[in-house]
Amino acid sequence: MYEQLTGALSAAQADEAVRAVLLSGAGASFSAGNDLQDFLSGPALGATHPAMQFLRTLATFGKPLLAAVHGHTVGIGVTLLLHCDLIIAARSMQLSLPFVALGLVPEAGSTLLLPRLVGYQRAAELLFLGQPFNADTAYRLGLVNSVVEEAALLDEARALARAVAQQPGEALAATRRLLRGDTGEVLARIEEEARIFGAQLQSEEFRARVRALLNRGRAD
């Protein structure tokens, strides 16, 4: 999935006919986050890991990026939204950032981007405790632009994407660059987070939390 997302964003960046990109999820959720078993048995989180390639591509993407979000949205499903310019949420949306609760640290540059967006204290609350929060809370925090009924989500998001795509291209791109600021700082934070994240993946603290969650899931 990470490889496909990276490829799609790279292709969109190279295609002059593409003026904006809209991300959405299929099925009951926008994103359930990374597979916990993959954390335990997958490849080490090095520079060439597909997730790292995706995050770098996301952070350096040069065109307007929008998202239509519904249902449960967990971990990287939330942190990738911090790289989006406009977000439409369905009332069913439920966000959670369970990194610390799993014995990990946040990723995708979120320790830099989230405090910028919602303030330090609110970011600390969301990241330290990892409690789920709904679409209305996300709207009050300024994480999403609007909240709509789920049946209208894609229509509303596509209309917004078309409106953005119809703006003068050079002025739009320049304005986005000014709003986003220095991507080098974001990339540096992504790398710093990844270094600590990778170390925590090897920790007994993380493995004990995952074992407890998986065992609880089997019992349920």
N, C-alpha and C. Protein backbone atom coordinates (compact mmCIF):
# COMPACT_ATOMS: atom_id res chain seq x y z
N MET A 1 0.82 -1.20 0.00
CA MET A 1 0.00 0.00 0.00
C MET A 1 0.86 1.26 0.00
N TYR A 2 1.90 1.26 0.86
CA TYR A 2 2.80 2.42 0.89
C TYR A 2 3.45 2.64 -0.48
N GLU A 3 3.87 1.55 -1.11
CA GLU A 3 4.49 1.66 -2.43
C GLU A 3 3.51 2.19 -3.46
N GLN A 4 2.26 1.73 -3.40
CA GLN A 4 1.26 2.20 -4.35
C GLN A 4 0.93 3.67 -4.14
N LEU A 5 0.84 4.10 -2.89
CA LEU A 5 0.59 5.51 -2.60
C LEU A 5 1.75 6.38 -3.07
N THR A 6 2.96 5.92 -2.83
CA THR A 6 4.14 6.67 -3.29
C THR A 6 4.12 6.79 -4.80
N GLY A 7 3.83 5.68 -5.48
CA GLY A 7 3.78 5.71 -6.94
C GLY A 7 2.70 6.63 -7.47
N ALA A 8 1.52 6.60 -6.84
CA ALA A 8 0.42 7.45 -7.28
C ALA A 8 0.73 8.93 -7.10
N LEU A 9 1.33 9.28 -5.95
CA LEU A 9 1.68 10.68 -5.72
C LEU A 9 2.79 11.14 -6.68
N SER A 10 3.75 10.28 -6.91
CA SER A 10 4.84 10.63 -7.83
C SER A 10 4.31 10.83 -9.25
N ALA A 11 3.38 9.96 -9.67
CA ALA A 11 2.79 10.09 -10.99
C ALA A 11 1.96 11.37 -11.10
N ALA A 12 1.23 11.69 -10.04
CA ALA A 12 0.43 12.92 -10.04
C ALA A 12 1.31 14.16 -10.09
N GLN A 13 2.43 14.11 -9.37
CA GLN A 13 3.36 15.23 -9.38
C GLN A 13 3.93 15.47 -10.78
N ALA A 14 4.20 14.39 -11.50
CA ALA A 14 4.82 14.50 -12.82
C ALA A 14 3.82 14.85 -13.92
N ASP A 15 2.53 14.67 -13.68
CA ASP A 15 1.51 14.87 -14.70
C ASP A 15 0.97 16.29 -14.63
N GLU A 16 1.25 17.10 -15.65
CA GLU A 16 0.83 18.50 -15.64
C GLU A 16 -0.69 18.64 -15.68
N ALA A 17 -1.39 17.61 -16.13
CA ALA A 17 -2.85 17.67 -16.19
C ALA A 17 -3.48 17.54 -14.81
N VAL A 18 -2.73 16.99 -13.84
CA VAL A 18 -3.25 16.84 -12.48
C VAL A 18 -3.04 18.14 -11.72
N ARG A 19 -4.11 18.75 -11.27
CA ARG A 19 -4.03 20.04 -10.58
C ARG A 19 -4.21 19.90 -9.07
N ALA A 20 -4.80 18.79 -8.62
CA ALA A 20 -4.98 18.54 -7.19
C ALA A 20 -5.21 17.05 -7.01
N VAL A 21 -4.96 16.55 -5.80
CA VAL A 21 -5.12 15.13 -5.48
C VAL A 21 -6.03 14.99 -4.27
N LEU A 22 -6.97 14.06 -4.37
CA LEU A 22 -7.91 13.78 -3.28
C LEU A 22 -7.69 12.36 -2.78
N LEU A 23 -7.40 12.21 -1.49
CA LEU A 23 -7.24 10.91 -0.85
C LEU A 23 -8.55 10.52 -0.17
N SER A 24 -8.95 9.26 -0.33
CA SER A 24 -10.13 8.76 0.37
C SER A 24 -9.92 7.28 0.68
N GLY A 25 -10.74 6.75 1.57
CA GLY A 25 -10.62 5.36 1.96
C GLY A 25 -11.79 4.55 1.45
N ALA A 26 -11.56 3.26 1.26
CA ALA A 26 -12.63 2.36 0.84
C ALA A 26 -13.10 1.55 2.05
N GLY A 27 -14.29 1.00 1.96
CA GLY A 27 -14.78 0.17 3.05
C GLY A 27 -15.27 0.98 4.23
N ALA A 28 -15.14 0.40 5.42
CA ALA A 28 -15.74 1.00 6.61
C ALA A 28 -14.89 2.10 7.23
N SER A 29 -13.63 2.22 6.82
CA SER A 29 -12.71 3.16 7.47
C SER A 29 -11.83 3.85 6.44
N PHE A 30 -11.31 5.00 6.84
CA PHE A 30 -10.31 5.68 6.02
C PHE A 30 -8.98 4.94 6.10
N SER A 31 -8.55 4.62 7.32
CA SER A 31 -7.30 3.87 7.51
C SER A 31 -7.26 3.29 8.91
N ALA A 32 -6.99 1.98 9.00
CA ALA A 32 -6.86 1.33 10.30
C ALA A 32 -5.46 1.45 10.87
N GLY A 33 -4.56 2.15 10.17
CA GLY A 33 -3.19 2.27 10.65
C GLY A 33 -2.35 1.07 10.24
N ASN A 34 -1.11 1.08 10.65
CA ASN A 34 -0.20 0.00 10.27
C ASN A 34 -0.55 -1.30 11.00
N ASP A 35 -0.38 -2.42 10.32
CA ASP A 35 -0.62 -3.74 10.89
C ASP A 35 0.37 -4.00 12.03
N LEU A 36 -0.14 -4.33 13.22
CA LEU A 36 0.74 -4.56 14.36
C LEU A 36 1.65 -5.76 14.15
N GLN A 37 1.16 -6.79 13.49
CA GLN A 37 2.00 -7.94 13.20
C GLN A 37 3.16 -7.56 12.28
N ASP A 38 2.91 -6.63 11.37
CA ASP A 38 3.96 -6.15 10.48
C ASP A 38 5.05 -5.45 11.28
N PHE A 39 4.66 -4.73 12.33
CA PHE A 39 5.66 -4.10 13.20
C PHE A 39 6.55 -5.16 13.84
N LEU A 40 5.95 -6.29 14.21
CA LEU A 40 6.71 -7.32 14.90
C LEU A 40 7.61 -8.13 13.96
N SER A 41 7.12 -8.40 12.75
CA SER A 41 7.84 -9.32 11.87
C SER A 41 8.28 -8.72 10.55
N GLY A 42 7.93 -7.48 10.28
CA GLY A 42 8.27 -6.87 9.00
C GLY A 42 9.70 -6.37 8.96
N PRO A 43 10.11 -5.76 7.85
CA PRO A 43 11.47 -5.27 7.72
C PRO A 43 11.76 -4.12 8.67
N ALA A 44 13.04 -3.93 8.98
CA ALA A 44 13.45 -2.83 9.86
C ALA A 44 13.09 -1.48 9.22
N LEU A 45 12.81 -0.51 10.07
CA LEU A 45 12.39 0.81 9.59
C LEU A 45 13.61 1.62 9.16
N GLY A 46 14.22 1.23 8.05
CA GLY A 46 15.37 1.93 7.51
C GLY A 46 14.98 2.92 6.45
N ALA A 47 16.00 3.52 5.84
CA ALA A 47 15.78 4.58 4.85
C ALA A 47 15.00 4.10 3.64
N THR A 48 15.14 2.81 3.29
CA THR A 48 14.47 2.30 2.09
C THR A 48 13.13 1.62 2.39
N HIS A 49 12.70 1.64 3.63
CA HIS A 49 11.41 1.05 3.98
C HIS A 49 10.30 1.76 3.21
N PRO A 50 9.32 1.01 2.67
CA PRO A 50 8.26 1.66 1.90
C PRO A 50 7.52 2.77 2.65
N ALA A 51 7.35 2.61 3.95
CA ALA A 51 6.67 3.66 4.73
C ALA A 51 7.48 4.94 4.74
N MET A 52 8.81 4.83 4.85
CA MET A 52 9.65 6.02 4.85
C MET A 52 9.64 6.70 3.48
N GLN A 53 9.65 5.92 2.42
CA GLN A 53 9.58 6.50 1.08
C GLN A 53 8.27 7.23 0.88
N PHE A 54 7.18 6.66 1.40
CA PHE A 54 5.88 7.31 1.30
C PHE A 54 5.88 8.63 2.07
N LEU A 55 6.41 8.63 3.29
CA LEU A 55 6.39 9.85 4.10
C LEU A 55 7.22 10.96 3.47
N ARG A 56 8.36 10.62 2.90
CA ARG A 56 9.16 11.64 2.23
C ARG A 56 8.42 12.21 1.02
N THR A 57 7.78 11.33 0.26
CA THR A 57 7.01 11.78 -0.90
C THR A 57 5.86 12.67 -0.47
N LEU A 58 5.19 12.30 0.60
CA LEU A 58 4.08 13.08 1.13
C LEU A 58 4.54 14.47 1.55
N ALA A 59 5.67 14.53 2.25
CA ALA A 59 6.16 15.80 2.78
C ALA A 59 6.65 16.74 1.69
N THR A 60 7.06 16.22 0.56
CA THR A 60 7.60 17.05 -0.52
C THR A 60 6.65 17.18 -1.69
N PHE A 61 5.45 16.65 -1.58
CA PHE A 61 4.47 16.74 -2.66
C PHE A 61 4.14 18.19 -2.94
N GLY A 62 4.11 18.58 -4.20
CA GLY A 62 4.03 19.99 -4.54
C GLY A 62 2.68 20.50 -4.99
N LYS A 63 1.66 19.65 -5.03
CA LYS A 63 0.34 20.06 -5.50
C LYS A 63 -0.67 20.01 -4.35
N PRO A 64 -1.78 20.75 -4.48
CA PRO A 64 -2.78 20.71 -3.42
C PRO A 64 -3.23 19.28 -3.13
N LEU A 65 -3.27 18.96 -1.84
CA LEU A 65 -3.61 17.61 -1.40
C LEU A 65 -4.81 17.70 -0.46
N LEU A 66 -5.86 16.98 -0.82
CA LEU A 66 -7.09 16.99 -0.04
C LEU A 66 -7.39 15.58 0.45
N ALA A 67 -8.26 15.49 1.45
CA ALA A 67 -8.65 14.18 1.97
C ALA A 67 -10.13 14.18 2.31
N ALA A 68 -10.78 13.06 2.03
CA ALA A 68 -12.16 12.79 2.45
C ALA A 68 -12.08 11.63 3.44
N VAL A 69 -12.41 11.89 4.71
CA VAL A 69 -12.12 10.94 5.78
C VAL A 69 -13.41 10.47 6.45
N HIS A 70 -13.51 9.14 6.63
CA HIS A 70 -14.68 8.59 7.29
C HIS A 70 -14.25 7.42 8.17
N GLY A 71 -15.09 7.09 9.13
CA GLY A 71 -14.86 5.91 9.95
C GLY A 71 -13.60 6.00 10.80
N HIS A 72 -13.14 4.85 11.29
CA HIS A 72 -11.96 4.80 12.13
C HIS A 72 -10.72 5.18 11.33
N THR A 73 -9.93 6.06 11.90
CA THR A 73 -8.73 6.56 11.24
C THR A 73 -7.65 6.59 12.31
N VAL A 74 -6.63 5.74 12.15
CA VAL A 74 -5.71 5.43 13.24
C VAL A 74 -4.26 5.68 12.81
N GLY A 75 -3.43 6.15 13.74
CA GLY A 75 -1.99 6.22 13.52
C GLY A 75 -1.60 7.02 12.29
N ILE A 76 -0.92 6.37 11.36
CA ILE A 76 -0.46 7.05 10.16
C ILE A 76 -1.63 7.55 9.31
N GLY A 77 -2.81 6.94 9.48
CA GLY A 77 -4.00 7.46 8.83
C GLY A 77 -4.33 8.87 9.29
N VAL A 78 -3.97 9.20 10.53
CA VAL A 78 -4.17 10.55 11.07
C VAL A 78 -2.98 11.44 10.72
N THR A 79 -1.76 10.96 10.95
CA THR A 79 -0.60 11.83 10.76
C THR A 79 -0.42 12.24 9.30
N LEU A 80 -0.84 11.41 8.35
CA LEU A 80 -0.73 11.82 6.95
C LEU A 80 -1.64 13.01 6.65
N LEU A 81 -2.74 13.15 7.44
CA LEU A 81 -3.65 14.27 7.23
C LEU A 81 -2.99 15.61 7.51
N LEU A 82 -1.95 15.62 8.33
CA LEU A 82 -1.25 16.86 8.65
C LEU A 82 -0.51 17.41 7.43
N HIS A 83 -0.35 16.59 6.40
CA HIS A 83 0.28 17.03 5.16
C HIS A 83 -0.75 17.44 4.11
N CYS A 84 -2.03 17.31 4.44
CA CYS A 84 -3.10 17.69 3.52
C CYS A 84 -3.45 19.17 3.72
N ASP A 85 -3.89 19.79 2.64
CA ASP A 85 -4.23 21.21 2.69
C ASP A 85 -5.68 21.44 3.10
N LEU A 86 -6.56 20.57 2.65
CA LEU A 86 -7.99 20.68 2.95
C LEU A 86 -8.53 19.29 3.25
N ILE A 87 -9.39 19.21 4.30
CA ILE A 87 -9.91 17.91 4.73
C ILE A 87 -11.40 18.02 4.99
N ILE A 88 -12.17 17.13 4.37
CA ILE A 88 -13.60 17.01 4.64
C ILE A 88 -13.80 15.73 5.45
N ALA A 89 -14.52 15.85 6.55
CA ALA A 89 -14.74 14.70 7.44
C ALA A 89 -16.20 14.30 7.44
N ALA A 90 -16.44 13.00 7.44
CA ALA A 90 -17.79 12.47 7.68
C ALA A 90 -18.05 12.46 9.19
N ARG A 91 -19.31 12.53 9.55
CA ARG A 91 -19.65 12.50 10.99
C ARG A 91 -19.21 11.20 11.65
N SER A 92 -19.03 10.16 10.85
CA SER A 92 -18.59 8.86 11.39
C SER A 92 -17.11 8.82 11.73
N MET A 93 -16.37 9.85 11.34
CA MET A 93 -14.92 9.83 11.52
C MET A 93 -14.55 9.75 13.00
N GLN A 94 -13.60 8.87 13.31
CA GLN A 94 -13.08 8.70 14.67
C GLN A 94 -11.56 8.60 14.56
N LEU A 95 -10.86 9.60 15.05
CA LEU A 95 -9.40 9.65 14.93
C LEU A 95 -8.75 9.16 16.22
N SER A 96 -7.60 8.50 16.08
CA SER A 96 -6.81 8.14 17.27
C SER A 96 -5.34 8.07 16.92
N LEU A 97 -4.53 8.46 17.88
CA LEU A 97 -3.07 8.52 17.74
C LEU A 97 -2.44 7.68 18.86
N PRO A 98 -2.47 6.35 18.75
CA PRO A 98 -2.10 5.48 19.87
C PRO A 98 -0.62 5.16 19.97
N PHE A 99 0.24 6.03 19.47
CA PHE A 99 1.67 5.71 19.41
C PHE A 99 2.26 5.48 20.79
N VAL A 100 2.12 6.44 21.68
CA VAL A 100 2.70 6.32 23.02
C VAL A 100 2.08 5.14 23.77
N ALA A 101 0.78 4.95 23.60
CA ALA A 101 0.11 3.83 24.26
C ALA A 101 0.65 2.48 23.80
N LEU A 102 1.22 2.44 22.60
CA LEU A 102 1.83 1.21 22.09
C LEU A 102 3.32 1.10 22.43
N GLY A 103 3.86 2.09 23.11
CA GLY A 103 5.29 2.09 23.39
C GLY A 103 6.11 2.62 22.24
N LEU A 104 5.50 3.43 21.36
CA LEU A 104 6.19 4.00 20.20
C LEU A 104 6.20 5.52 20.30
N VAL A 105 6.70 6.16 19.27
CA VAL A 105 6.63 7.61 19.15
C VAL A 105 5.87 7.94 17.87
N PRO A 106 5.29 9.14 17.79
CA PRO A 106 4.59 9.52 16.56
C PRO A 106 5.54 9.63 15.38
N GLU A 107 4.96 9.63 14.16
CA GLU A 107 5.75 9.69 12.94
C GLU A 107 5.17 10.71 11.97
N ALA A 108 5.73 10.72 10.74
CA ALA A 108 5.25 11.59 9.65
C ALA A 108 5.47 13.07 9.93
N GLY A 109 6.39 13.38 10.85
CA GLY A 109 6.63 14.79 11.20
C GLY A 109 5.55 15.35 12.11
N SER A 110 4.73 14.47 12.68
CA SER A 110 3.58 14.95 13.47
C SER A 110 3.98 15.66 14.75
N THR A 111 5.16 15.34 15.31
CA THR A 111 5.57 16.05 16.53
C THR A 111 5.94 17.51 16.23
N LEU A 112 6.14 17.83 14.98
CA LEU A 112 6.37 19.21 14.55
C LEU A 112 5.07 19.84 14.06
N LEU A 113 4.32 19.11 13.23
CA LEU A 113 3.16 19.68 12.54
C LEU A 113 1.93 19.80 13.42
N LEU A 114 1.69 18.80 14.30
CA LEU A 114 0.49 18.85 15.12
C LEU A 114 0.50 20.02 16.11
N PRO A 115 1.60 20.29 16.85
CA PRO A 115 1.60 21.46 17.73
C PRO A 115 1.43 22.77 16.96
N ARG A 116 1.97 22.85 15.77
CA ARG A 116 1.77 24.06 14.96
C ARG A 116 0.30 24.30 14.66
N LEU A 117 -0.43 23.21 14.47
CA LEU A 117 -1.82 23.32 14.05
C LEU A 117 -2.77 23.54 15.22
N VAL A 118 -2.56 22.82 16.32
CA VAL A 118 -3.54 22.86 17.42
C VAL A 118 -2.98 23.44 18.71
N GLY A 119 -1.68 23.76 18.75
CA GLY A 119 -1.06 24.24 19.98
C GLY A 119 -0.39 23.10 20.74
N TYR A 120 0.62 23.46 21.54
CA TYR A 120 1.40 22.43 22.22
C TYR A 120 0.57 21.59 23.17
N GLN A 121 -0.23 22.26 24.04
CA GLN A 121 -0.95 21.51 25.07
C GLN A 121 -1.96 20.53 24.47
N ARG A 122 -2.69 20.95 23.45
CA ARG A 122 -3.65 20.04 22.84
C ARG A 122 -2.93 18.89 22.13
N ALA A 123 -1.81 19.21 21.46
CA ALA A 123 -1.04 18.16 20.80
C ALA A 123 -0.51 17.15 21.82
N ALA A 124 -0.02 17.66 22.95
CA ALA A 124 0.48 16.77 24.00
C ALA A 124 -0.63 15.87 24.52
N GLU A 125 -1.82 16.42 24.71
CA GLU A 125 -2.96 15.62 25.18
C GLU A 125 -3.30 14.51 24.19
N LEU A 126 -3.36 14.86 22.91
CA LEU A 126 -3.72 13.87 21.88
C LEU A 126 -2.67 12.78 21.76
N LEU A 127 -1.39 13.16 21.86
CA LEU A 127 -0.31 12.19 21.65
C LEU A 127 0.03 11.42 22.92
N PHE A 128 0.04 12.06 24.06
CA PHE A 128 0.37 11.36 25.31
C PHE A 128 -0.68 10.30 25.65
N LEU A 129 -1.96 10.66 25.51
CA LEU A 129 -3.04 9.79 25.97
C LEU A 129 -3.58 8.89 24.86
N GLY A 130 -3.54 9.35 23.62
CA GLY A 130 -3.98 8.52 22.50
C GLY A 130 -5.46 8.21 22.49
N GLN A 131 -6.27 9.05 23.17
CA GLN A 131 -7.71 8.78 23.23
C GLN A 131 -8.38 9.13 21.91
N PRO A 132 -9.30 8.28 21.42
CA PRO A 132 -10.01 8.60 20.18
C PRO A 132 -10.80 9.90 20.32
N PHE A 133 -10.94 10.63 19.21
CA PHE A 133 -11.77 11.83 19.21
C PHE A 133 -12.53 11.90 17.89
N ASN A 134 -13.69 12.55 17.94
CA ASN A 134 -14.62 12.48 16.82
C ASN A 134 -14.46 13.68 15.86
N ALA A 135 -15.32 13.70 14.86
CA ALA A 135 -15.22 14.72 13.81
C ALA A 135 -15.47 16.11 14.35
N ASP A 136 -16.42 16.27 15.27
CA ASP A 136 -16.70 17.60 15.81
C ASP A 136 -15.50 18.14 16.58
N THR A 137 -14.83 17.27 17.35
CA THR A 137 -13.62 17.70 18.06
C THR A 137 -12.52 18.07 17.08
N ALA A 138 -12.35 17.27 16.03
CA ALA A 138 -11.34 17.57 15.02
C ALA A 138 -11.62 18.92 14.36
N TYR A 139 -12.89 19.22 14.14
CA TYR A 139 -13.25 20.51 13.54
C TYR A 139 -12.93 21.65 14.51
N ARG A 140 -13.27 21.49 15.77
CA ARG A 140 -12.98 22.55 16.76
C ARG A 140 -11.47 22.79 16.89
N LEU A 141 -10.68 21.73 16.74
CA LEU A 141 -9.23 21.85 16.83
C LEU A 141 -8.61 22.46 15.58
N GLY A 142 -9.37 22.53 14.50
CA GLY A 142 -8.84 23.03 13.25
C GLY A 142 -8.15 21.97 12.40
N LEU A 143 -8.39 20.70 12.71
CA LEU A 143 -7.78 19.61 11.94
C LEU A 143 -8.51 19.33 10.64
N VAL A 144 -9.80 19.65 10.58
CA VAL A 144 -10.57 19.44 9.36
C VAL A 144 -11.30 20.73 9.02
N ASN A 145 -11.66 20.87 7.73
CA ASN A 145 -12.32 22.09 7.27
C ASN A 145 -13.82 22.07 7.46
N SER A 146 -14.43 20.89 7.33
CA SER A 146 -15.87 20.80 7.51
C SER A 146 -16.25 19.36 7.83
N VAL A 147 -17.45 19.22 8.40
CA VAL A 147 -18.00 17.91 8.76
C VAL A 147 -19.33 17.76 8.03
N VAL A 148 -19.48 16.64 7.32
CA VAL A 148 -20.69 16.41 6.52
C VAL A 148 -21.23 15.01 6.80
N GLU A 149 -22.43 14.76 6.35
CA GLU A 149 -22.98 13.42 6.45
C GLU A 149 -22.19 12.48 5.54
N GLU A 150 -22.05 11.23 5.94
CA GLU A 150 -21.21 10.32 5.19
C GLU A 150 -21.66 10.14 3.74
N ALA A 151 -22.97 10.15 3.51
CA ALA A 151 -23.48 9.97 2.15
C ALA A 151 -23.04 11.08 1.21
N ALA A 152 -22.73 12.26 1.77
CA ALA A 152 -22.34 13.41 0.96
C ALA A 152 -20.83 13.61 0.91
N LEU A 153 -20.07 12.75 1.61
CA LEU A 153 -18.64 13.00 1.79
C LEU A 153 -17.89 13.13 0.47
N LEU A 154 -17.97 12.14 -0.38
CA LEU A 154 -17.18 12.18 -1.60
C LEU A 154 -17.64 13.28 -2.55
N ASP A 155 -18.93 13.52 -2.63
CA ASP A 155 -19.43 14.60 -3.49
C ASP A 155 -18.88 15.95 -3.01
N GLU A 156 -18.94 16.18 -1.71
CA GLU A 156 -18.43 17.45 -1.16
C GLU A 156 -16.93 17.58 -1.38
N ALA A 157 -16.20 16.49 -1.15
CA ALA A 157 -14.75 16.54 -1.30
C ALA A 157 -14.35 16.74 -2.76
N ARG A 158 -15.04 16.07 -3.67
CA ARG A 158 -14.72 16.22 -5.09
C ARG A 158 -15.04 17.63 -5.58
N ALA A 159 -16.13 18.20 -5.10
CA ALA A 159 -16.47 19.57 -5.47
C ALA A 159 -15.40 20.54 -4.99
N LEU A 160 -14.91 20.32 -3.78
CA LEU A 160 -13.86 21.18 -3.24
C LEU A 160 -12.57 21.01 -4.04
N ALA A 161 -12.23 19.77 -4.39
CA ALA A 161 -11.02 19.52 -5.18
C ALA A 161 -11.12 20.19 -6.55
N ARG A 162 -12.29 20.12 -7.17
CA ARG A 162 -12.47 20.78 -8.47
C ARG A 162 -12.32 22.28 -8.35
N ALA A 163 -12.87 22.85 -7.27
CA ALA A 163 -12.75 24.30 -7.07
C ALA A 163 -11.29 24.72 -6.91
N VAL A 164 -10.52 23.92 -6.18
CA VAL A 164 -9.09 24.21 -6.02
C VAL A 164 -8.37 24.07 -7.35
N ALA A 165 -8.68 23.01 -8.09
CA ALA A 165 -7.99 22.73 -9.35
C ALA A 165 -8.26 23.80 -10.39
N GLN A 166 -9.34 24.55 -10.26
CA GLN A 166 -9.69 25.57 -11.24
C GLN A 166 -8.98 26.91 -10.99
N GLN A 167 -8.26 27.02 -9.88
CA GLN A 167 -7.55 28.26 -9.59
C GLN A 167 -6.31 28.40 -10.48
N PRO A 168 -5.83 29.63 -10.69
CA PRO A 168 -4.62 29.83 -11.50
C PRO A 168 -3.46 29.00 -10.93
N GLY A 169 -2.86 28.16 -11.77
CA GLY A 169 -1.91 27.16 -11.30
C GLY A 169 -0.67 27.70 -10.64
N GLU A 170 -0.02 28.69 -11.25
CA GLU A 170 1.23 29.21 -10.69
C GLU A 170 0.99 29.90 -9.36
N ALA A 171 -0.07 30.70 -9.28
CA ALA A 171 -0.39 31.39 -8.03
C ALA A 171 -0.75 30.40 -6.94
N LEU A 172 -1.48 29.36 -7.32
CA LEU A 172 -1.87 28.33 -6.35
C LEU A 172 -0.65 27.60 -5.80
N ALA A 173 0.25 27.20 -6.69
CA ALA A 173 1.45 26.48 -6.25
C ALA A 173 2.33 27.35 -5.37
N ALA A 174 2.48 28.62 -5.73
CA ALA A 174 3.32 29.52 -4.95
C ALA A 174 2.72 29.77 -3.57
N THR A 175 1.39 29.92 -3.52
CA THR A 175 0.72 30.14 -2.24
C THR A 175 0.88 28.93 -1.34
N ARG A 176 0.76 27.75 -1.92
CA ARG A 176 0.93 26.52 -1.13
C ARG A 176 2.35 26.44 -0.57
N ARG A 177 3.35 26.77 -1.39
CA ARG A 177 4.73 26.74 -0.91
C ARG A 177 4.92 27.70 0.26
N LEU A 178 4.34 28.90 0.15
CA LEU A 178 4.47 29.88 1.23
C LEU A 178 3.78 29.40 2.50
N LEU A 179 2.61 28.81 2.35
CA LEU A 179 1.89 28.29 3.52
C LEU A 179 2.64 27.15 4.18
N ARG A 180 3.19 26.26 3.38
CA ARG A 180 3.86 25.07 3.90
C ARG A 180 5.21 25.39 4.52
N GLY A 181 5.91 26.38 3.99
CA GLY A 181 7.21 26.73 4.55
C GLY A 181 8.30 25.74 4.17
N ASP A 182 9.30 25.64 5.00
CA ASP A 182 10.50 24.86 4.73
C ASP A 182 10.23 23.36 4.86
N THR A 183 10.25 22.65 3.75
CA THR A 183 10.04 21.20 3.82
C THR A 183 11.25 20.49 4.43
N GLY A 184 12.42 21.13 4.38
CA GLY A 184 13.61 20.52 4.96
C GLY A 184 13.45 20.27 6.44
N GLU A 185 12.80 21.19 7.14
CA GLU A 185 12.58 21.02 8.58
C GLU A 185 11.65 19.83 8.84
N VAL A 186 10.63 19.69 8.01
CA VAL A 186 9.69 18.57 8.16
C VAL A 186 10.40 17.25 7.87
N LEU A 187 11.20 17.22 6.80
CA LEU A 187 11.92 15.98 6.46
C LEU A 187 12.89 15.59 7.58
N ALA A 188 13.56 16.59 8.15
CA ALA A 188 14.49 16.30 9.25
C ALA A 188 13.75 15.71 10.44
N ARG A 189 12.56 16.23 10.74
CA ARG A 189 11.79 15.69 11.87
C ARG A 189 11.30 14.28 11.56
N ILE A 190 10.89 14.01 10.32
CA ILE A 190 10.48 12.66 9.93
C ILE A 190 11.62 11.67 10.18
N GLU A 191 12.84 12.06 9.81
CA GLU A 191 13.98 11.17 10.01
C GLU A 191 14.29 10.98 11.49
N GLU A 192 14.19 12.04 12.27
CA GLU A 192 14.46 11.94 13.71
C GLU A 192 13.42 11.04 14.38
N GLU A 193 12.15 11.24 14.03
CA GLU A 193 11.10 10.38 14.59
C GLU A 193 11.33 8.93 14.20
N ALA A 194 11.70 8.70 12.94
CA ALA A 194 11.89 7.32 12.46
C ALA A 194 13.02 6.62 13.20
N ARG A 195 14.08 7.36 13.51
CA ARG A 195 15.20 6.76 14.24
C ARG A 195 14.74 6.27 15.62
N ILE A 196 13.97 7.08 16.31
CA ILE A 196 13.49 6.69 17.64
C ILE A 196 12.40 5.63 17.53
N PHE A 197 11.54 5.77 16.53
CA PHE A 197 10.48 4.79 16.28
C PHE A 197 11.09 3.41 16.05
N GLY A 198 12.13 3.36 15.22
CA GLY A 198 12.78 2.08 14.93
C GLY A 198 13.38 1.46 16.17
N ALA A 199 13.98 2.29 17.02
CA ALA A 199 14.55 1.77 18.27
C ALA A 199 13.46 1.25 19.19
N GLN A 200 12.34 1.97 19.26
CA GLN A 200 11.24 1.52 20.12
C GLN A 200 10.61 0.23 19.62
N LEU A 201 10.62 0.01 18.31
CA LEU A 201 10.10 -1.25 17.78
C LEU A 201 10.84 -2.47 18.33
N GLN A 202 12.11 -2.25 18.71
CA GLN A 202 12.92 -3.35 19.25
C GLN A 202 12.81 -3.45 20.77
N SER A 203 12.08 -2.55 21.38
CA SER A 203 12.03 -2.51 22.84
C SER A 203 11.05 -3.52 23.41
N GLU A 204 11.32 -3.97 24.60
CA GLU A 204 10.40 -4.88 25.28
C GLU A 204 9.12 -4.14 25.66
N GLU A 205 9.22 -2.85 25.91
CA GLU A 205 8.03 -2.06 26.23
C GLU A 205 7.00 -2.16 25.11
N PHE A 206 7.44 -1.96 23.87
CA PHE A 206 6.55 -2.05 22.72
C PHE A 206 6.01 -3.46 22.55
N ARG A 207 6.90 -4.45 22.58
CA ARG A 207 6.49 -5.82 22.32
C ARG A 207 5.50 -6.32 23.37
N ALA A 208 5.68 -5.90 24.61
CA ALA A 208 4.74 -6.30 25.66
C ALA A 208 3.36 -5.69 25.41
N ARG A 209 3.31 -4.43 24.96
CA ARG A 209 2.02 -3.80 24.69
C ARG A 209 1.31 -4.46 23.53
N VAL A 210 2.05 -4.82 22.49
CA VAL A 210 1.44 -5.47 21.34
C VAL A 210 0.94 -6.86 21.70
N ARG A 211 1.76 -7.61 22.45
CA ARG A 211 1.32 -8.95 22.87
C ARG A 211 0.02 -8.87 23.67
N ALA A 212 -0.06 -7.88 24.55
CA ALA A 212 -1.27 -7.72 25.37
C ALA A 212 -2.48 -7.42 24.49
N LEU A 213 -2.29 -6.54 23.51
CA LEU A 213 -3.40 -6.20 22.62
C LEU A 213 -3.85 -7.38 21.78
N LEU A 214 -2.88 -8.13 21.23
CA LEU A 214 -3.22 -9.28 20.41
C LEU A 214 -3.89 -10.37 21.23
N ASN A 215 -3.42 -10.59 22.44
CA ASN A 215 -4.05 -11.60 23.30
C ASN A 215 -5.46 -11.19 23.71
N ARG A 216 -5.66 -9.89 23.95
CA ARG A 216 -6.99 -9.40 24.28
C ARG A 216 -7.94 -9.58 23.10
N GLY A 217 -7.41 -9.34 21.89
CA GLY A 217 -8.23 -9.52 20.69
C GLY A 217 -8.65 -10.98 20.51
N ARG A 218 -7.74 -11.91 20.81
CA ARG A 218 -8.09 -13.34 20.70
C ARG A 218 -9.14 -13.72 21.74
N ALA A 219 -9.01 -13.15 22.94
CA ALA A 219 -9.97 -13.45 24.00
C ALA A 219 -11.34 -12.91 23.66
N ASP A 220 -11.37 -11.73 23.03
CA ASP A 220 -12.66 -11.14 22.65
C ASP A 220 -13.33 -11.97 21.54
